[in-house]
């Protein structure tokens, strides 16, 4: 079984391109994942590849420092460099990318605004009578 789940932050902005043969979107990014139980703050950096509509969304909404979860598989490729040496490349091919948080130090925008008084926020909710509660 080849299955990996990682949670980390983008080490650089994602790079979107389109495959020449099919025109299908592909995005590459590096994910920094903290090492657990390390006395020193260390991280591992994984190259992640994601395809299709999800690739376009990653490129559109994530940037350096964004937190995400990646679910996919490990793929190891072998190739020859210009000098004829055998090289290996290890990538995570993502089946699913979940956006978890904004870059450190930045707030995510949402409809909830603590600057709006509580009474105004609660105006849309109807009152509940204790007799309506079944327990």
N, C-alpha and C. Protein backbone atom coordinates (compact mmCIF):
# COMPACT_ATOMS: atom_id res chain seq x y z
N UNK A 1 0.85 -1.17 0.00
CA UNK A 1 0.00 0.00 0.00
C UNK A 1 0.90 1.23 0.00
N UNK A 2 0.61 2.19 -0.84
CA UNK A 2 1.37 3.43 -0.95
C UNK A 2 0.42 4.58 -0.67
N UNK A 3 0.41 5.04 0.56
CA UNK A 3 -0.53 6.08 0.99
C UNK A 3 0.16 7.00 1.98
N UNK A 4 0.06 8.31 1.76
CA UNK A 4 0.71 9.27 2.65
C UNK A 4 -0.24 10.41 2.94
N UNK A 5 -0.20 10.89 4.18
CA UNK A 5 -0.96 12.07 4.59
C UNK A 5 0.02 13.00 5.29
N UNK A 6 0.10 14.24 4.83
CA UNK A 6 1.01 15.23 5.40
C UNK A 6 0.25 16.51 5.72
N UNK A 7 0.63 17.17 6.80
CA UNK A 7 0.11 18.50 7.12
C UNK A 7 1.31 19.39 7.33
N UNK A 8 1.32 20.51 6.61
CA UNK A 8 2.44 21.43 6.71
C UNK A 8 2.11 22.77 6.10
N UNK A 9 3.16 23.55 5.87
CA UNK A 9 3.02 24.88 5.27
C UNK A 9 3.83 24.96 3.99
N UNK A 10 3.33 25.72 3.03
CA UNK A 10 4.02 25.88 1.76
C UNK A 10 5.33 26.63 1.97
N UNK A 11 6.41 26.09 1.45
CA UNK A 11 7.73 26.70 1.59
C UNK A 11 7.97 27.73 0.49
N UNK A 12 7.16 27.72 -0.54
CA UNK A 12 7.26 28.68 -1.65
C UNK A 12 5.90 28.74 -2.33
N UNK A 13 5.68 29.76 -3.14
CA UNK A 13 4.42 29.87 -3.88
C UNK A 13 4.30 28.69 -4.84
N UNK A 14 3.08 28.17 -5.02
CA UNK A 14 2.87 27.07 -5.96
C UNK A 14 3.11 27.53 -7.40
N UNK A 15 3.52 26.60 -8.25
CA UNK A 15 3.80 26.89 -9.66
C UNK A 15 2.82 26.12 -10.54
N UNK A 16 1.94 26.86 -11.21
CA UNK A 16 0.93 26.27 -12.09
C UNK A 16 1.44 26.28 -13.53
N UNK A 17 1.23 25.16 -14.22
CA UNK A 17 1.51 25.09 -15.65
C UNK A 17 0.51 24.12 -16.25
N UNK A 18 0.53 24.02 -17.55
CA UNK A 18 -0.39 23.12 -18.25
C UNK A 18 0.42 22.14 -19.08
N UNK A 19 0.07 20.86 -19.00
CA UNK A 19 0.79 19.82 -19.73
C UNK A 19 0.63 20.07 -21.24
N UNK A 20 1.74 20.01 -21.96
CA UNK A 20 1.74 20.28 -23.40
C UNK A 20 0.90 19.26 -24.16
N UNK A 21 0.95 18.02 -23.75
CA UNK A 21 0.26 16.96 -24.49
C UNK A 21 -1.26 16.99 -24.30
N UNK A 22 -1.72 17.30 -23.09
CA UNK A 22 -3.16 17.22 -22.80
C UNK A 22 -3.79 18.57 -22.44
N UNK A 23 -2.98 19.55 -22.11
CA UNK A 23 -3.53 20.83 -21.67
C UNK A 23 -4.05 20.79 -20.24
N UNK A 24 -3.82 19.70 -19.55
CA UNK A 24 -4.30 19.52 -18.18
C UNK A 24 -3.44 20.32 -17.20
N UNK A 25 -4.09 20.98 -16.24
CA UNK A 25 -3.38 21.79 -15.24
C UNK A 25 -2.58 20.89 -14.30
N UNK A 26 -1.38 21.34 -13.96
CA UNK A 26 -0.53 20.66 -12.98
C UNK A 26 0.16 21.73 -12.15
N UNK A 27 0.13 21.56 -10.84
CA UNK A 27 0.77 22.50 -9.92
C UNK A 27 1.77 21.76 -9.07
N UNK A 28 2.95 22.37 -8.92
CA UNK A 28 4.00 21.84 -8.05
C UNK A 28 4.20 22.81 -6.89
N UNK A 29 4.40 22.27 -5.71
CA UNK A 29 4.76 23.11 -4.56
C UNK A 29 5.57 22.29 -3.56
N UNK A 30 6.28 23.01 -2.70
CA UNK A 30 7.06 22.36 -1.65
C UNK A 30 6.33 22.53 -0.32
N UNK A 31 6.18 21.45 0.43
CA UNK A 31 5.48 21.46 1.70
C UNK A 31 6.47 21.19 2.82
N UNK A 32 6.55 22.11 3.78
CA UNK A 32 7.42 21.95 4.95
C UNK A 32 6.60 21.32 6.07
N UNK A 33 7.07 20.18 6.57
CA UNK A 33 6.38 19.45 7.63
C UNK A 33 7.32 19.34 8.82
N UNK A 34 6.88 19.85 9.96
CA UNK A 34 7.71 19.80 11.16
C UNK A 34 7.95 18.37 11.59
N UNK A 35 9.16 18.11 12.06
CA UNK A 35 9.50 16.79 12.59
C UNK A 35 9.02 16.70 14.04
N UNK A 36 8.25 15.68 14.36
CA UNK A 36 7.80 15.54 15.74
C UNK A 36 8.94 15.04 16.62
N UNK A 37 8.87 15.36 17.87
CA UNK A 37 9.81 14.87 18.87
C UNK A 37 11.25 15.30 18.62
N UNK A 38 11.45 16.36 17.89
CA UNK A 38 12.79 16.86 17.63
C UNK A 38 13.14 17.93 18.66
N UNK A 39 14.32 17.83 19.27
CA UNK A 39 14.74 18.84 20.25
C UNK A 39 14.98 20.17 19.56
N UNK A 40 15.46 20.12 18.33
CA UNK A 40 15.66 21.33 17.54
C UNK A 40 14.48 21.45 16.58
N UNK A 41 14.14 22.68 16.22
CA UNK A 41 13.05 22.87 15.25
C UNK A 41 13.56 22.48 13.87
N UNK A 42 13.13 21.32 13.42
CA UNK A 42 13.53 20.84 12.10
C UNK A 42 12.28 20.49 11.31
N UNK A 43 12.41 20.58 10.00
CA UNK A 43 11.30 20.25 9.12
C UNK A 43 11.82 19.44 7.94
N UNK A 44 10.94 18.64 7.38
CA UNK A 44 11.23 17.94 6.14
C UNK A 44 10.48 18.67 5.02
N UNK A 45 11.08 18.75 3.85
CA UNK A 45 10.49 19.45 2.72
C UNK A 45 10.14 18.44 1.64
N UNK A 46 8.86 18.38 1.28
CA UNK A 46 8.36 17.43 0.30
C UNK A 46 7.94 18.17 -0.97
N UNK A 47 8.29 17.60 -2.11
CA UNK A 47 7.79 18.12 -3.38
C UNK A 47 6.43 17.48 -3.62
N UNK A 48 5.42 18.32 -3.89
CA UNK A 48 4.06 17.84 -4.10
C UNK A 48 3.61 18.21 -5.50
N UNK A 49 2.94 17.28 -6.16
CA UNK A 49 2.38 17.48 -7.50
C UNK A 49 0.88 17.23 -7.41
N UNK A 50 0.09 18.15 -7.93
CA UNK A 50 -1.37 17.98 -7.95
C UNK A 50 -1.88 18.33 -9.34
N UNK A 51 -2.90 17.60 -9.82
CA UNK A 51 -3.39 17.72 -11.20
C UNK A 51 -4.83 18.23 -11.25
N UNK A 52 -5.22 18.73 -12.42
CA UNK A 52 -6.61 19.06 -12.72
C UNK A 52 -7.10 20.33 -12.06
N UNK A 53 -8.40 20.36 -11.80
CA UNK A 53 -9.04 21.54 -11.19
C UNK A 53 -8.44 21.84 -9.82
N UNK A 54 -8.10 20.79 -9.10
CA UNK A 54 -7.49 20.98 -7.78
C UNK A 54 -6.15 21.72 -7.90
N UNK A 55 -5.42 21.45 -8.99
CA UNK A 55 -4.15 22.14 -9.23
C UNK A 55 -4.39 23.63 -9.43
N UNK A 56 -5.43 23.98 -10.17
CA UNK A 56 -5.77 25.39 -10.39
C UNK A 56 -6.16 26.07 -9.08
N UNK A 57 -6.92 25.38 -8.24
CA UNK A 57 -7.34 25.94 -6.96
C UNK A 57 -6.16 26.14 -6.01
N UNK A 58 -5.24 25.19 -5.99
CA UNK A 58 -4.04 25.32 -5.16
C UNK A 58 -3.26 26.56 -5.58
N UNK A 59 -3.06 26.72 -6.89
CA UNK A 59 -2.30 27.86 -7.39
C UNK A 59 -3.02 29.18 -7.11
N UNK A 60 -4.33 29.16 -7.13
CA UNK A 60 -5.12 30.38 -6.93
C UNK A 60 -5.19 30.81 -5.46
N UNK A 61 -5.36 29.84 -4.56
CA UNK A 61 -5.67 30.18 -3.17
C UNK A 61 -4.53 29.99 -2.17
N UNK A 62 -3.51 29.23 -2.50
CA UNK A 62 -2.42 29.01 -1.55
C UNK A 62 -1.20 29.82 -1.95
N UNK A 63 -0.41 30.20 -0.94
CA UNK A 63 0.85 30.91 -1.20
C UNK A 63 1.83 30.54 -0.10
N UNK A 64 3.03 31.06 -0.18
CA UNK A 64 4.05 30.76 0.81
C UNK A 64 3.50 30.96 2.22
N UNK A 65 3.64 29.95 3.07
CA UNK A 65 3.19 30.02 4.45
C UNK A 65 1.80 29.47 4.68
N UNK A 66 1.01 29.26 3.62
CA UNK A 66 -0.34 28.69 3.79
C UNK A 66 -0.23 27.28 4.33
N UNK A 67 -1.15 26.92 5.21
CA UNK A 67 -1.16 25.57 5.77
C UNK A 67 -2.15 24.71 4.99
N UNK A 68 -1.77 23.46 4.73
CA UNK A 68 -2.68 22.55 4.05
C UNK A 68 -2.36 21.11 4.45
N UNK A 69 -3.33 20.25 4.18
CA UNK A 69 -3.16 18.81 4.34
C UNK A 69 -3.12 18.20 2.94
N UNK A 70 -2.24 17.24 2.75
CA UNK A 70 -2.10 16.57 1.46
C UNK A 70 -2.29 15.08 1.68
N UNK A 71 -3.14 14.47 0.86
CA UNK A 71 -3.33 13.03 0.88
C UNK A 71 -2.99 12.52 -0.51
N UNK A 72 -2.14 11.51 -0.59
CA UNK A 72 -1.75 10.99 -1.90
C UNK A 72 -0.82 9.81 -1.78
N UNK A 73 0.10 9.70 -2.73
CA UNK A 73 1.04 8.58 -2.75
C UNK A 73 2.44 9.09 -3.08
N UNK A 74 3.43 8.28 -2.73
CA UNK A 74 4.82 8.61 -3.01
C UNK A 74 5.19 8.02 -4.36
N UNK A 75 5.84 8.85 -5.18
CA UNK A 75 6.27 8.39 -6.50
C UNK A 75 7.76 8.69 -6.65
N UNK A 76 8.53 7.68 -7.04
CA UNK A 76 9.97 7.83 -7.24
C UNK A 76 10.26 7.63 -8.72
N UNK A 77 10.89 8.64 -9.31
CA UNK A 77 11.25 8.57 -10.73
C UNK A 77 12.77 8.50 -10.86
N UNK A 78 13.22 7.86 -11.90
CA UNK A 78 14.64 7.73 -12.21
C UNK A 78 14.88 8.35 -13.59
N UNK A 79 15.97 9.13 -13.72
CA UNK A 79 16.29 9.75 -15.00
C UNK A 79 17.79 9.94 -15.11
N UNK A 80 18.23 10.25 -16.32
CA UNK A 80 19.65 10.50 -16.59
C UNK A 80 19.86 12.00 -16.70
N UNK A 81 20.85 12.54 -15.98
CA UNK A 81 21.15 13.97 -16.11
C UNK A 81 22.02 14.21 -17.35
N UNK A 82 22.41 15.46 -17.58
CA UNK A 82 23.20 15.83 -18.77
C UNK A 82 24.52 15.09 -18.86
N UNK A 83 25.08 14.75 -17.70
CA UNK A 83 26.38 14.07 -17.67
C UNK A 83 26.24 12.54 -17.74
N UNK A 84 25.01 12.04 -17.87
CA UNK A 84 24.79 10.61 -17.95
C UNK A 84 24.65 9.92 -16.61
N UNK A 85 24.63 10.70 -15.52
CA UNK A 85 24.47 10.12 -14.19
C UNK A 85 23.00 9.81 -13.92
N UNK A 86 22.77 8.71 -13.21
CA UNK A 86 21.40 8.35 -12.83
C UNK A 86 20.98 9.19 -11.63
N UNK A 87 19.85 9.82 -11.74
CA UNK A 87 19.29 10.66 -10.66
C UNK A 87 17.91 10.13 -10.29
N UNK A 88 17.54 10.40 -9.05
CA UNK A 88 16.23 9.98 -8.55
C UNK A 88 15.47 11.20 -8.06
N UNK A 89 14.18 11.15 -8.24
CA UNK A 89 13.30 12.24 -7.80
C UNK A 89 12.16 11.61 -7.00
N UNK A 90 11.90 12.13 -5.82
CA UNK A 90 10.81 11.63 -4.99
C UNK A 90 9.77 12.73 -4.84
N UNK A 91 8.54 12.43 -5.25
CA UNK A 91 7.43 13.40 -5.19
C UNK A 91 6.25 12.78 -4.47
N UNK A 92 5.42 13.64 -3.91
CA UNK A 92 4.12 13.23 -3.39
C UNK A 92 3.11 13.61 -4.47
N UNK A 93 2.40 12.63 -5.02
CA UNK A 93 1.36 12.90 -6.00
C UNK A 93 0.05 12.99 -5.21
N UNK A 94 -0.49 14.20 -5.14
CA UNK A 94 -1.65 14.46 -4.29
C UNK A 94 -2.94 14.04 -4.97
N UNK A 95 -3.75 13.28 -4.25
CA UNK A 95 -5.11 12.98 -4.69
C UNK A 95 -6.07 14.03 -4.14
N UNK A 96 -5.68 14.61 -3.00
CA UNK A 96 -6.56 15.55 -2.30
C UNK A 96 -5.71 16.56 -1.53
N UNK A 97 -6.05 17.84 -1.66
CA UNK A 97 -5.38 18.89 -0.90
C UNK A 97 -6.47 19.68 -0.17
N UNK A 98 -6.35 19.76 1.15
CA UNK A 98 -7.31 20.51 1.95
C UNK A 98 -6.64 21.76 2.50
N UNK A 99 -7.25 22.92 2.27
CA UNK A 99 -6.72 24.18 2.75
C UNK A 99 -7.06 24.31 4.22
N UNK A 100 -6.05 24.55 5.06
CA UNK A 100 -6.26 24.59 6.51
C UNK A 100 -6.12 25.96 7.13
N UNK A 101 -5.23 26.78 6.64
CA UNK A 101 -5.04 28.07 7.29
C UNK A 101 -4.24 29.04 6.46
N UNK A 102 -4.37 30.30 6.81
CA UNK A 102 -3.65 31.37 6.13
C UNK A 102 -2.19 31.35 6.57
N UNK A 103 -1.33 32.03 5.83
CA UNK A 103 0.06 32.14 6.25
C UNK A 103 0.16 32.72 7.66
N UNK A 104 1.19 32.35 8.39
CA UNK A 104 1.39 32.82 9.76
C UNK A 104 1.34 34.34 9.81
N UNK A 105 0.64 34.85 10.81
CA UNK A 105 0.57 36.29 11.02
C UNK A 105 -0.51 36.98 10.20
N UNK A 106 -1.25 36.23 9.37
CA UNK A 106 -2.32 36.83 8.58
C UNK A 106 -3.64 36.22 9.00
N UNK A 107 -4.68 37.07 9.04
CA UNK A 107 -6.02 36.58 9.36
C UNK A 107 -6.71 36.12 8.09
N UNK A 108 -7.55 35.11 8.23
CA UNK A 108 -8.38 34.71 7.11
C UNK A 108 -9.63 35.57 7.12
N UNK A 109 -10.08 35.97 5.93
CA UNK A 109 -11.29 36.76 5.85
C UNK A 109 -12.48 35.84 6.02
N UNK A 110 -13.49 36.30 6.74
CA UNK A 110 -14.70 35.52 6.92
C UNK A 110 -15.87 36.47 7.08
N UNK A 111 -17.08 35.92 7.05
CA UNK A 111 -18.26 36.75 7.22
C UNK A 111 -18.43 37.19 8.67
N UNK A 112 -17.88 36.43 9.59
CA UNK A 112 -17.98 36.78 11.00
C UNK A 112 -17.09 37.97 11.29
N UNK A 113 -17.64 38.97 11.90
CA UNK A 113 -16.86 40.15 12.22
C UNK A 113 -17.10 40.52 13.67
N UNK A 114 -16.09 40.41 14.52
CA UNK A 114 -16.29 40.74 15.93
C UNK A 114 -16.57 42.22 16.14
N UNK A 115 -16.34 43.06 15.11
CA UNK A 115 -16.60 44.49 15.28
C UNK A 115 -18.09 44.80 15.19
N UNK A 116 -18.90 43.85 14.66
CA UNK A 116 -20.35 44.05 14.61
C UNK A 116 -20.93 43.67 15.96
N UNK A 117 -21.74 44.54 16.58
CA UNK A 117 -22.29 44.23 17.90
C UNK A 117 -23.05 42.91 17.90
N UNK A 118 -22.98 42.18 19.01
CA UNK A 118 -23.61 40.88 19.13
C UNK A 118 -25.10 40.94 18.81
N UNK A 119 -25.78 41.96 19.27
CA UNK A 119 -27.22 42.05 19.04
C UNK A 119 -27.54 42.10 17.54
N UNK A 120 -26.69 42.77 16.75
CA UNK A 120 -26.91 42.83 15.30
C UNK A 120 -26.61 41.49 14.64
N UNK A 121 -25.58 40.78 15.11
CA UNK A 121 -25.25 39.47 14.54
C UNK A 121 -26.35 38.47 14.81
N UNK A 122 -26.99 38.55 15.97
CA UNK A 122 -27.98 37.56 16.38
C UNK A 122 -29.38 37.86 15.86
N UNK A 123 -29.57 38.96 15.15
CA UNK A 123 -30.90 39.35 14.70
C UNK A 123 -31.50 38.32 13.74
N UNK A 124 -30.69 37.58 13.00
CA UNK A 124 -31.19 36.61 12.03
C UNK A 124 -31.68 35.31 12.68
N UNK A 125 -31.36 35.09 13.94
CA UNK A 125 -31.73 33.85 14.59
C UNK A 125 -33.05 34.01 15.34
N UNK A 126 -34.01 33.11 15.04
CA UNK A 126 -35.29 33.22 15.75
C UNK A 126 -35.14 32.79 17.20
N UNK A 127 -36.00 33.32 18.05
CA UNK A 127 -35.97 32.95 19.47
C UNK A 127 -36.44 31.51 19.63
N UNK A 128 -35.98 30.84 20.67
CA UNK A 128 -36.35 29.45 20.95
C UNK A 128 -37.04 29.42 22.31
N UNK A 129 -38.21 28.81 22.33
CA UNK A 129 -38.96 28.66 23.56
C UNK A 129 -38.55 27.34 24.21
N UNK A 130 -38.35 27.33 25.53
CA UNK A 130 -37.92 26.13 26.23
C UNK A 130 -38.87 24.96 26.01
N UNK A 131 -40.14 25.22 25.75
CA UNK A 131 -41.11 24.14 25.53
C UNK A 131 -40.90 23.45 24.18
N UNK A 132 -40.18 24.10 23.26
CA UNK A 132 -39.90 23.51 21.96
C UNK A 132 -38.76 22.49 21.99
N UNK A 133 -37.98 22.50 23.06
CA UNK A 133 -36.83 21.61 23.16
C UNK A 133 -37.33 20.25 23.65
N UNK A 134 -37.05 19.14 22.92
CA UNK A 134 -37.60 17.83 23.24
C UNK A 134 -36.97 17.12 24.43
N UNK A 135 -36.03 17.68 25.11
CA UNK A 135 -35.42 16.98 26.25
C UNK A 135 -35.40 17.83 27.47
